[in-house]
Amino acid sequence: LVDCPPSLNILTLNALCAADTVLVPIQCEYYALEGLT
């Protein structure tokens, strides 16, 4: 399991290139869908 920083940078890109799948936690509050697209 890889914990990624809350931004798209070379560290997150490394995680995505190494992963089989992506798990996305979504907070059940206003603006929760912001950034999901």
PDB file of all heavy atoms in Angstrom:
ATOM      1  N   LEU A   1       0.849  -1.190   0.000  1.00  0.00           N
ATOM      2  CA  LEU A   1       0.000   0.000   0.000  1.00  0.00           C
ATOM      3  C   LEU A   1       0.883   1.238   0.000  1.00  0.00           C
ATOM      4  O   LEU A   1       1.830   1.331   0.792  1.00  0.00           O
ATOM      5  CB  LEU A   1      -0.902   0.021   1.237  1.00  0.00           C
ATOM      6  CG  LEU A   1      -2.271  -0.668   1.121  1.00  0.00           C
ATOM      7  CD1 LEU A   1      -2.131  -2.120   0.700  1.00  0.00           C
ATOM      8  CD2 LEU A   1      -3.029  -0.566   2.435  1.00  0.00           C
ATOM      9  N   VAL A   2       0.580   2.169  -0.882  1.00  0.00           N
ATOM     10  CA  VAL A   2       1.393   3.374  -1.026  1.00  0.00           C
ATOM     11  C   VAL A   2       0.580   4.606  -0.655  1.00  0.00           C
ATOM     12  O   VAL A   2      -0.467   4.877  -1.263  1.00  0.00           O
ATOM     13  CB  VAL A   2       1.913   3.533  -2.478  1.00  0.00           C
ATOM     14  CG1 VAL A   2       2.912   4.695  -2.546  1.00  0.00           C
ATOM     15  CG2 VAL A   2       2.555   2.251  -2.975  1.00  0.00           C
ATOM     16  N   ASP A   3       1.057   5.347   0.338  1.00  0.00           N
ATOM     17  CA  ASP A   3       0.415   6.609   0.722  1.00  0.00           C
ATOM     18  C   ASP A   3       1.036   7.728  -0.104  1.00  0.00           C
ATOM     19  O   ASP A   3       2.245   7.970  -0.019  1.00  0.00           O
ATOM     20  CB  ASP A   3       0.620   6.868   2.220  1.00  0.00           C
ATOM     21  CG  ASP A   3      -0.192   8.057   2.705  1.00  0.00           C
ATOM     22  OD1 ASP A   3      -1.098   8.498   1.977  1.00  0.00           O
ATOM     23  OD2 ASP A   3       0.077   8.548   3.815  1.00  0.00           O
ATOM     24  N   CYS A   4       0.230   8.403  -0.909  1.00  0.00           N
ATOM     25  CA  CYS A   4       0.719   9.437  -1.818  1.00  0.00           C
ATOM     26  C   CYS A   4       0.517  10.831  -1.226  1.00  0.00           C
ATOM     27  O   CYS A   4      -0.410  11.053  -0.441  1.00  0.00           O
ATOM     28  CB  CYS A   4      -0.018   9.365  -3.149  1.00  0.00           C
ATOM     29  SG  CYS A   4       0.106   7.767  -3.970  1.00  0.00           S
ATOM     30  N   PRO A   5       1.354  11.790  -1.620  1.00  0.00           N
ATOM     31  CA  PRO A   5       1.114  13.178  -1.208  1.00  0.00           C
ATOM     32  C   PRO A   5      -0.144  13.713  -1.888  1.00  0.00           C
ATOM     33  O   PRO A   5      -0.551  13.207  -2.943  1.00  0.00           O
ATOM     34  CB  PRO A   5       2.364  13.917  -1.678  1.00  0.00           C
ATOM     35  CG  PRO A   5       2.934  13.068  -2.766  1.00  0.00           C
ATOM     36  CD  PRO A   5       2.570  11.653  -2.436  1.00  0.00           C
ATOM     37  N   PRO A   6      -0.773  14.758  -1.304  1.00  0.00           N
ATOM     38  CA  PRO A   6      -2.015  15.302  -1.873  1.00  0.00           C
ATOM     39  C   PRO A   6      -1.753  16.261  -3.038  1.00  0.00           C
ATOM     40  O   PRO A   6      -2.261  17.382  -3.058  1.00  0.00           O
ATOM     41  CB  PRO A   6      -2.644  16.021  -0.674  1.00  0.00           C
ATOM     42  CG  PRO A   6      -1.480  16.461   0.123  1.00  0.00           C
ATOM     43  CD  PRO A   6      -0.437  15.377  -0.004  1.00  0.00           C
ATOM     44  N   SER A   7      -0.966  15.814  -3.980  1.00  0.00           N
ATOM     45  CA  SER A   7      -0.660  16.621  -5.165  1.00  0.00           C
ATOM     46  C   SER A   7      -0.121  15.692  -6.235  1.00  0.00           C
ATOM     47  O   SER A   7       0.324  14.583  -5.938  1.00  0.00           O
ATOM     48  CB  SER A   7       0.374  17.711  -4.846  1.00  0.00           C
ATOM     49  OG  SER A   7       1.573  17.123  -4.384  1.00  0.00           O
ATOM     50  N   LEU A   8      -0.159  16.149  -7.477  1.00  0.00           N
ATOM     51  CA  LEU A   8       0.380  15.353  -8.568  1.00  0.00           C
ATOM     52  C   LEU A   8       1.807  15.807  -8.841  1.00  0.00           C
ATOM     53  O   LEU A   8       2.035  16.833  -9.471  1.00  0.00           O
ATOM     54  CB  LEU A   8      -0.480  15.496  -9.826  1.00  0.00           C
ATOM     55  CG  LEU A   8      -0.020  14.662 -11.024  1.00  0.00           C
ATOM     56  CD1 LEU A   8      -0.022  13.176 -10.669  1.00  0.00           C
ATOM     57  CD2 LEU A   8      -0.918  14.909 -12.227  1.00  0.00           C
ATOM     58  N   ASN A   9       2.773  15.056  -8.329  1.00  0.00           N
ATOM     59  CA  ASN A   9       4.183  15.366  -8.554  1.00  0.00           C
ATOM     60  C   ASN A   9       4.918  14.077  -8.886  1.00  0.00           C
ATOM     61  O   ASN A   9       4.297  13.034  -9.104  1.00  0.00           O
ATOM     62  CB  ASN A   9       4.784  16.067  -7.321  1.00  0.00           C
ATOM     63  CG  ASN A   9       4.605  15.258  -6.042  1.00  0.00           C
ATOM     64  OD1 ASN A   9       4.426  14.035  -6.075  1.00  0.00           O
ATOM     65  ND2 ASN A   9       4.661  15.937  -4.909  1.00  0.00           N
ATOM     66  N   ILE A  10       6.241  14.111  -8.911  1.00  0.00           N
ATOM     67  CA  ILE A  10       7.005  12.930  -9.309  1.00  0.00           C
ATOM     68  C   ILE A  10       6.832  11.787  -8.307  1.00  0.00           C
ATOM     69  O   ILE A  10       6.927  10.616  -8.666  1.00  0.00           O
ATOM     70  CB  ILE A  10       8.503  13.287  -9.486  1.00  0.00           C
ATOM     71  CG1 ILE A  10       9.264  12.140 -10.171  1.00  0.00           C
ATOM     72  CG2 ILE A  10       9.146  13.634  -8.153  1.00  0.00           C
ATOM     73  CD1 ILE A  10       8.815  11.839 -11.576  1.00  0.00           C
ATOM     74  N   LEU A  11       6.541  12.118  -7.043  1.00  0.00           N
ATOM     75  CA  LEU A  11       6.332  11.071  -6.040  1.00  0.00           C
ATOM     76  C   LEU A  11       5.016  10.337  -6.297  1.00  0.00           C
ATOM     77  O   LEU A  11       4.965   9.102  -6.277  1.00  0.00           O
ATOM     78  CB  LEU A  11       6.336  11.676  -4.635  1.00  0.00           C
ATOM     79  CG  LEU A  11       7.631  12.372  -4.215  1.00  0.00           C
ATOM     80  CD1 LEU A  11       7.469  13.033  -2.852  1.00  0.00           C
ATOM     81  CD2 LEU A  11       8.803  11.398  -4.204  1.00  0.00           C
ATOM     82  N   THR A  12       3.959  11.098  -6.562  1.00  0.00           N
ATOM     83  CA  THR A  12       2.673  10.484  -6.895  1.00  0.00           C
ATOM     84  C   THR A  12       2.771   9.710  -8.200  1.00  0.00           C
ATOM     85  O   THR A  12       2.223   8.603  -8.338  1.00  0.00           O
ATOM     86  CB  THR A  12       1.576  11.552  -6.992  1.00  0.00           C
ATOM     87  OG1 THR A  12       1.483  12.246  -5.752  1.00  0.00           O
ATOM     88  CG2 THR A  12       0.227  10.924  -7.307  1.00  0.00           C
ATOM     89  N   LEU A  13       3.469  10.278  -9.172  1.00  0.00           N
ATOM     90  CA  LEU A  13       3.637   9.603 -10.456  1.00  0.00           C
ATOM     91  C   LEU A  13       4.380   8.282 -10.283  1.00  0.00           C
ATOM     92  O   LEU A  13       4.027   7.276 -10.913  1.00  0.00           O
ATOM     93  CB  LEU A  13       4.392  10.509 -11.435  1.00  0.00           C
ATOM     94  CG  LEU A  13       4.494  10.005 -12.877  1.00  0.00           C
ATOM     95  CD1 LEU A  13       3.111   9.769 -13.465  1.00  0.00           C
ATOM     96  CD2 LEU A  13       5.274  10.997 -13.731  1.00  0.00           C
ATOM     97  N   ASN A  14       5.390   8.255  -9.420  1.00  0.00           N
ATOM     98  CA  ASN A  14       6.084   7.006  -9.122  1.00  0.00           C
ATOM     99  C   ASN A  14       5.133   5.971  -8.557  1.00  0.00           C
ATOM    100  O   ASN A  14       5.183   4.792  -8.919  1.00  0.00           O
ATOM    101  CB  ASN A  14       7.230   7.261  -8.136  1.00  0.00           C
ATOM    102  CG  ASN A  14       8.577   7.359  -8.818  1.00  0.00           C
ATOM    103  OD1 ASN A  14       9.340   6.396  -8.857  1.00  0.00           O
ATOM    104  ND2 ASN A  14       8.866   8.529  -9.369  1.00  0.00           N
ATOM    105  N   ALA A  15       4.263   6.414  -7.648  1.00  0.00           N
ATOM    106  CA  ALA A  15       3.296   5.496  -7.046  1.00  0.00           C
ATOM    107  C   ALA A  15       2.349   4.931  -8.100  1.00  0.00           C
ATOM    108  O   ALA A  15       2.063   3.728  -8.110  1.00  0.00           O
ATOM    109  CB  ALA A  15       2.519   6.207  -5.949  1.00  0.00           C
ATOM    110  N   LEU A  16       1.855   5.785  -8.995  1.00  0.00           N
ATOM    111  CA  LEU A  16       0.916   5.338 -10.027  1.00  0.00           C
ATOM    112  C   LEU A  16       1.584   4.420 -11.041  1.00  0.00           C
ATOM    113  O   LEU A  16       0.944   3.506 -11.574  1.00  0.00           O
ATOM    114  CB  LEU A  16       0.298   6.548 -10.725  1.00  0.00           C
ATOM    115  CG  LEU A  16      -0.594   7.445  -9.855  1.00  0.00           C
ATOM    116  CD1 LEU A  16      -1.101   8.636 -10.655  1.00  0.00           C
ATOM    117  CD2 LEU A  16      -1.759   6.663  -9.255  1.00  0.00           C
ATOM    118  N   CYS A  17       2.849   4.651 -11.306  1.00  0.00           N
ATOM    119  CA  CYS A  17       3.574   3.786 -12.247  1.00  0.00           C
ATOM    120  C   CYS A  17       3.910   2.436 -11.623  1.00  0.00           C
ATOM    121  O   CYS A  17       4.119   1.457 -12.340  1.00  0.00           O
ATOM    122  CB  CYS A  17       4.857   4.474 -12.719  1.00  0.00           C
ATOM    123  SG  CYS A  17       4.578   5.840 -13.863  1.00  0.00           S
ATOM    124  N   ALA A  18       3.970   2.392 -10.293  1.00  0.00           N
ATOM    125  CA  ALA A  18       4.300   1.140  -9.599  1.00  0.00           C
ATOM    126  C   ALA A  18       3.064   0.332  -9.242  1.00  0.00           C
ATOM    127  O   ALA A  18       3.163  -0.863  -8.951  1.00  0.00           O
ATOM    128  CB  ALA A  18       5.095   1.447  -8.335  1.00  0.00           C
ATOM    129  N   ALA A  19       1.900   0.975  -9.244  1.00  0.00           N
ATOM    130  CA  ALA A  19       0.680   0.346  -8.720  1.00  0.00           C
ATOM    131  C   ALA A  19      -0.046  -0.512  -9.740  1.00  0.00           C
ATOM    132  O   ALA A  19       0.069  -0.306 -10.950  1.00  0.00           O
ATOM    133  CB  ALA A  19      -0.261   1.428  -8.200  1.00  0.00           C
ATOM    134  N   ASP A  20      -0.802  -1.457  -9.215  1.00  0.00           N
ATOM    135  CA  ASP A  20      -1.758  -2.202 -10.029  1.00  0.00           C
ATOM    136  C   ASP A  20      -3.091  -1.470 -10.047  1.00  0.00           C
ATOM    137  O   ASP A  20      -3.778  -1.438 -11.062  1.00  0.00           O
ATOM    138  CB  ASP A  20      -1.965  -3.609  -9.456  1.00  0.00           C
ATOM    139  CG  ASP A  20      -0.689  -4.426  -9.447  1.00  0.00           C
ATOM    140  OD1 ASP A  20      -0.056  -4.545 -10.504  1.00  0.00           O
ATOM    141  OD2 ASP A  20      -0.321  -4.933  -8.370  1.00  0.00           O
ATOM    142  N   THR A  21      -3.440  -0.914  -8.879  1.00  0.00           N
ATOM    143  CA  THR A  21      -4.734  -0.248  -8.755  1.00  0.00           C
ATOM    144  C   THR A  21      -4.611   1.014  -7.905  1.00  0.00           C
ATOM    145  O   THR A  21      -3.633   1.210  -7.180  1.00  0.00           O
ATOM    146  CB  THR A  21      -5.788  -1.179  -8.107  1.00  0.00           C
ATOM    147  OG1 THR A  21      -5.319  -1.599  -6.818  1.00  0.00           O
ATOM    148  CG2 THR A  21      -6.053  -2.401  -8.974  1.00  0.00           C
ATOM    149  N   VAL A  22      -5.656   1.850  -7.976  1.00  0.00           N
ATOM    150  CA  VAL A  22      -5.710   3.095  -7.205  1.00  0.00           C
ATOM    151  C   VAL A  22      -6.950   3.085  -6.329  1.00  0.00           C
ATOM    152  O   VAL A  22      -8.067   2.863  -6.813  1.00  0.00           O
ATOM    153  CB  VAL A  22      -5.760   4.329  -8.141  1.00  0.00           C
ATOM    154  CG1 VAL A  22      -5.796   5.610  -7.316  1.00  0.00           C
ATOM    155  CG2 VAL A  22      -4.554   4.338  -9.083  1.00  0.00           C
ATOM    156  N   LEU A  23      -6.754   3.307  -5.033  1.00  0.00           N
ATOM    157  CA  LEU A  23      -7.862   3.428  -4.098  1.00  0.00           C
ATOM    158  C   LEU A  23      -8.013   4.907  -3.754  1.00  0.00           C
ATOM    159  O   LEU A  23      -7.034   5.554  -3.366  1.00  0.00           O
ATOM    160  CB  LEU A  23      -7.595   2.598  -2.840  1.00  0.00           C
ATOM    161  CG  LEU A  23      -8.753   2.426  -1.858  1.00  0.00           C
ATOM    162  CD1 LEU A  23      -8.574   1.133  -1.057  1.00  0.00           C
ATOM    163  CD2 LEU A  23      -8.860   3.600  -0.888  1.00  0.00           C
ATOM    164  N   VAL A  24      -9.225   5.425  -3.898  1.00  0.00           N
ATOM    165  CA  VAL A  24      -9.474   6.854  -3.712  1.00  0.00           C
ATOM    166  C   VAL A  24     -10.399   7.083  -2.515  1.00  0.00           C
ATOM    167  O   VAL A  24     -11.593   6.783  -2.586  1.00  0.00           O
ATOM    168  CB  VAL A  24     -10.112   7.476  -4.966  1.00  0.00           C
ATOM    169  CG1 VAL A  24     -10.255   8.990  -4.789  1.00  0.00           C
ATOM    170  CG2 VAL A  24      -9.290   7.155  -6.215  1.00  0.00           C
ATOM    171  N   PRO A  25      -9.872   7.614  -1.409  1.00  0.00           N
ATOM    172  CA  PRO A  25     -10.755   8.004  -0.308  1.00  0.00           C
ATOM    173  C   PRO A  25     -11.460   9.321  -0.653  1.00  0.00           C
ATOM    174  O   PRO A  25     -10.832  10.261  -1.141  1.00  0.00           O
ATOM    175  CB  PRO A  25      -9.796   8.207   0.881  1.00  0.00           C
ATOM    176  CG  PRO A  25      -8.482   7.652   0.439  1.00  0.00           C
ATOM    177  CD  PRO A  25      -8.463   7.783  -1.045  1.00  0.00           C
ATOM    178  N   ILE A  26     -12.756   9.370  -0.403  1.00  0.00           N
ATOM    179  CA  ILE A  26     -13.537  10.583  -0.655  1.00  0.00           C
ATOM    180  C   ILE A  26     -14.268  10.973   0.621  1.00  0.00           C
ATOM    181  O   ILE A  26     -15.024  10.182   1.179  1.00  0.00           O
ATOM    182  CB  ILE A  26     -14.552  10.381  -1.799  1.00  0.00           C
ATOM    183  CG1 ILE A  26     -13.823  10.244  -3.131  1.00  0.00           C
ATOM    184  CG2 ILE A  26     -15.530  11.545  -1.868  1.00  0.00           C
ATOM    185  CD1 ILE A  26     -14.750  10.166  -4.319  1.00  0.00           C
ATOM    186  N   GLN A  27     -14.025  12.203   1.066  1.00  0.00           N
ATOM    187  CA  GLN A  27     -14.682  12.710   2.266  1.00  0.00           C
ATOM    188  C   GLN A  27     -16.134  13.053   1.957  1.00  0.00           C
ATOM    189  O   GLN A  27     -16.443  13.660   0.933  1.00  0.00           O
ATOM    190  CB  GLN A  27     -13.943  13.950   2.764  1.00  0.00           C
ATOM    191  CG  GLN A  27     -14.483  14.529   4.048  1.00  0.00           C
ATOM    192  CD  GLN A  27     -13.700  15.760   4.479  1.00  0.00           C
ATOM    193  OE1 GLN A  27     -12.804  16.217   3.771  1.00  0.00           O
ATOM    194  NE2 GLN A  27     -14.036  16.298   5.635  1.00  0.00           N
ATOM    195  N   CYS A  28     -17.026  12.669   2.848  1.00  0.00           N
ATOM    196  CA  CYS A  28     -18.453  12.907   2.636  1.00  0.00           C
ATOM    197  C   CYS A  28     -18.830  14.316   3.076  1.00  0.00           C
ATOM    198  O   CYS A  28     -19.627  14.517   4.010  1.00  0.00           O
ATOM    199  CB  CYS A  28     -19.276  11.872   3.395  1.00  0.00           C
ATOM    200  SG  CYS A  28     -19.087  10.197   2.760  1.00  0.00           S
ATOM    201  N   GLU A  29     -18.276  15.302   2.398  1.00  0.00           N
ATOM    202  CA  GLU A  29     -18.569  16.690   2.698  1.00  0.00           C
ATOM    203  C   GLU A  29     -18.601  17.510   1.409  1.00  0.00           C
ATOM    204  O   GLU A  29     -18.228  17.033   0.337  1.00  0.00           O
ATOM    205  CB  GLU A  29     -17.541  17.266   3.677  1.00  0.00           C
ATOM    206  CG  GLU A  29     -17.656  16.690   5.087  1.00  0.00           C
ATOM    207  CD  GLU A  29     -16.868  17.476   6.125  1.00  0.00           C
ATOM    208  OE1 GLU A  29     -16.145  18.419   5.735  1.00  0.00           O
ATOM    209  OE2 GLU A  29     -16.974  17.146   7.315  1.00  0.00           O
ATOM    210  N   TYR A  30     -19.025  18.751   1.535  1.00  0.00           N
ATOM    211  CA  TYR A  30     -19.113  19.654   0.384  1.00  0.00           C
ATOM    212  C   TYR A  30     -17.749  19.763  -0.294  1.00  0.00           C
ATOM    213  O   TYR A  30     -16.716  19.768   0.362  1.00  0.00           O
ATOM    214  CB  TYR A  30     -19.585  21.020   0.875  1.00  0.00           C
ATOM    215  CG  TYR A  30     -20.078  21.926  -0.225  1.00  0.00           C
ATOM    216  CD1 TYR A  30     -21.135  21.552  -1.031  1.00  0.00           C
ATOM    217  CD2 TYR A  30     -19.487  23.167  -0.428  1.00  0.00           C
ATOM    218  CE1 TYR A  30     -21.606  22.381  -2.040  1.00  0.00           C
ATOM    219  CE2 TYR A  30     -19.945  24.017  -1.430  1.00  0.00           C
ATOM    220  CZ  TYR A  30     -21.006  23.613  -2.235  1.00  0.00           C
ATOM    221  OH  TYR A  30     -21.467  24.441  -3.230  1.00  0.00           O
ATOM    222  N   TYR A  31     -17.728  19.862  -1.603  1.00  0.00           N
ATOM    223  CA  TYR A  31     -16.521  19.898  -2.427  1.00  0.00           C
ATOM    224  C   TYR A  31     -15.797  18.552  -2.474  1.00  0.00           C
ATOM    225  O   TYR A  31     -14.666  18.472  -2.929  1.00  0.00           O
ATOM    226  CB  TYR A  31     -15.527  20.974  -1.957  1.00  0.00           C
ATOM    227  CG  TYR A  31     -16.005  22.389  -2.162  1.00  0.00           C
ATOM    228  CD1 TYR A  31     -15.862  23.331  -1.158  1.00  0.00           C
ATOM    229  CD2 TYR A  31     -16.598  22.792  -3.358  1.00  0.00           C
ATOM    230  CE1 TYR A  31     -16.295  24.633  -1.320  1.00  0.00           C
ATOM    231  CE2 TYR A  31     -17.032  24.085  -3.544  1.00  0.00           C
ATOM    232  CZ  TYR A  31     -16.883  25.005  -2.521  1.00  0.00           C
ATOM    233  OH  TYR A  31     -17.307  26.300  -2.688  1.00  0.00           O
ATOM    234  N   ALA A  32     -16.439  17.496  -1.967  1.00  0.00           N
ATOM    235  CA  ALA A  32     -15.787  16.189  -1.947  1.00  0.00           C
ATOM    236  C   ALA A  32     -15.409  15.712  -3.350  1.00  0.00           C
ATOM    237  O   ALA A  32     -14.399  15.040  -3.537  1.00  0.00           O
ATOM    238  CB  ALA A  32     -16.695  15.169  -1.279  1.00  0.00           C
ATOM    239  N   LEU A  33     -16.248  16.079  -4.327  1.00  0.00           N
ATOM    240  CA  LEU A  33     -16.001  15.611  -5.692  1.00  0.00           C
ATOM    241  C   LEU A  33     -15.011  16.497  -6.446  1.00  0.00           C
ATOM    242  O   LEU A  33     -14.630  16.184  -7.569  1.00  0.00           O
ATOM    243  CB  LEU A  33     -17.326  15.541  -6.464  1.00  0.00           C
ATOM    244  CG  LEU A  33     -18.381  14.602  -5.869  1.00  0.00           C
ATOM    245  CD1 LEU A  33     -19.629  14.599  -6.723  1.00  0.00           C
ATOM    246  CD2 LEU A  33     -17.828  13.213  -5.726  1.00  0.00           C
ATOM    247  N   GLU A  34     -14.630  17.601  -5.784  1.00  0.00           N
ATOM    248  CA  GLU A  34     -13.678  18.505  -6.425  1.00  0.00           C
ATOM    249  C   GLU A  34     -12.358  17.771  -6.645  1.00  0.00           C
ATOM    250  O   GLU A  34     -11.763  17.214  -5.746  1.00  0.00           O
ATOM    251  CB  GLU A  34     -13.441  19.720  -5.534  1.00  0.00           C
ATOM    252  CG  GLU A  34     -12.586  20.803  -6.178  1.00  0.00           C
ATOM    253  CD  GLU A  34     -12.458  22.007  -5.259  1.00  0.00           C
ATOM    254  OE1 GLU A  34     -13.459  22.732  -5.092  1.00  0.00           O
ATOM    255  OE2 GLU A  34     -11.379  22.195  -4.692  1.00  0.00           O
ATOM    256  N   GLY A  35     -11.897  17.729  -7.835  1.00  0.00           N
ATOM    257  CA  GLY A  35     -10.630  17.066  -8.145  1.00  0.00           C
ATOM    258  C   GLY A  35     -10.765  15.612  -8.539  1.00  0.00           C
ATOM    259  O   GLY A  35      -9.809  15.039  -9.076  1.00  0.00           O
ATOM    260  N   LEU A  36     -11.933  14.999  -8.270  1.00  0.00           N
ATOM    261  CA  LEU A  36     -12.080  13.586  -8.615  1.00  0.00           C
ATOM    262  C   LEU A  36     -12.021  13.370 -10.125  1.00  0.00           C
ATOM    263  O   LEU A  36     -11.381  12.433 -10.598  1.00  0.00           O
ATOM    264  CB  LEU A  36     -13.393  13.030  -8.057  1.00  0.00           C
ATOM    265  CG  LEU A  36     -13.666  11.546  -8.348  1.00  0.00           C
ATOM    266  CD1 LEU A  36     -12.572  10.670  -7.763  1.00  0.00           C
ATOM    267  CD2 LEU A  36     -15.033  11.133  -7.795  1.00  0.00           C
ATOM    268  N   THR A  37     -12.651  14.275 -10.879  1.00  0.00           N
ATOM    269  CA  THR A  37     -12.612  14.170 -12.336  1.00  0.00           C
ATOM    270  C   THR A  37     -11.188  14.278 -12.844  1.00  0.00           C
ATOM    271  O   THR A  37     -10.752  13.507 -13.720  1.00  0.00           O
ATOM    272  CB  THR A  37     -13.483  15.261 -12.982  1.00  0.00           C
ATOM    273  OG1 THR A  37     -14.830  15.130 -12.526  1.00  0.00           O
ATOM    274  CG2 THR A  37     -13.448  15.144 -14.507  1.00  0.00           C
TER     275      THR A  37
END
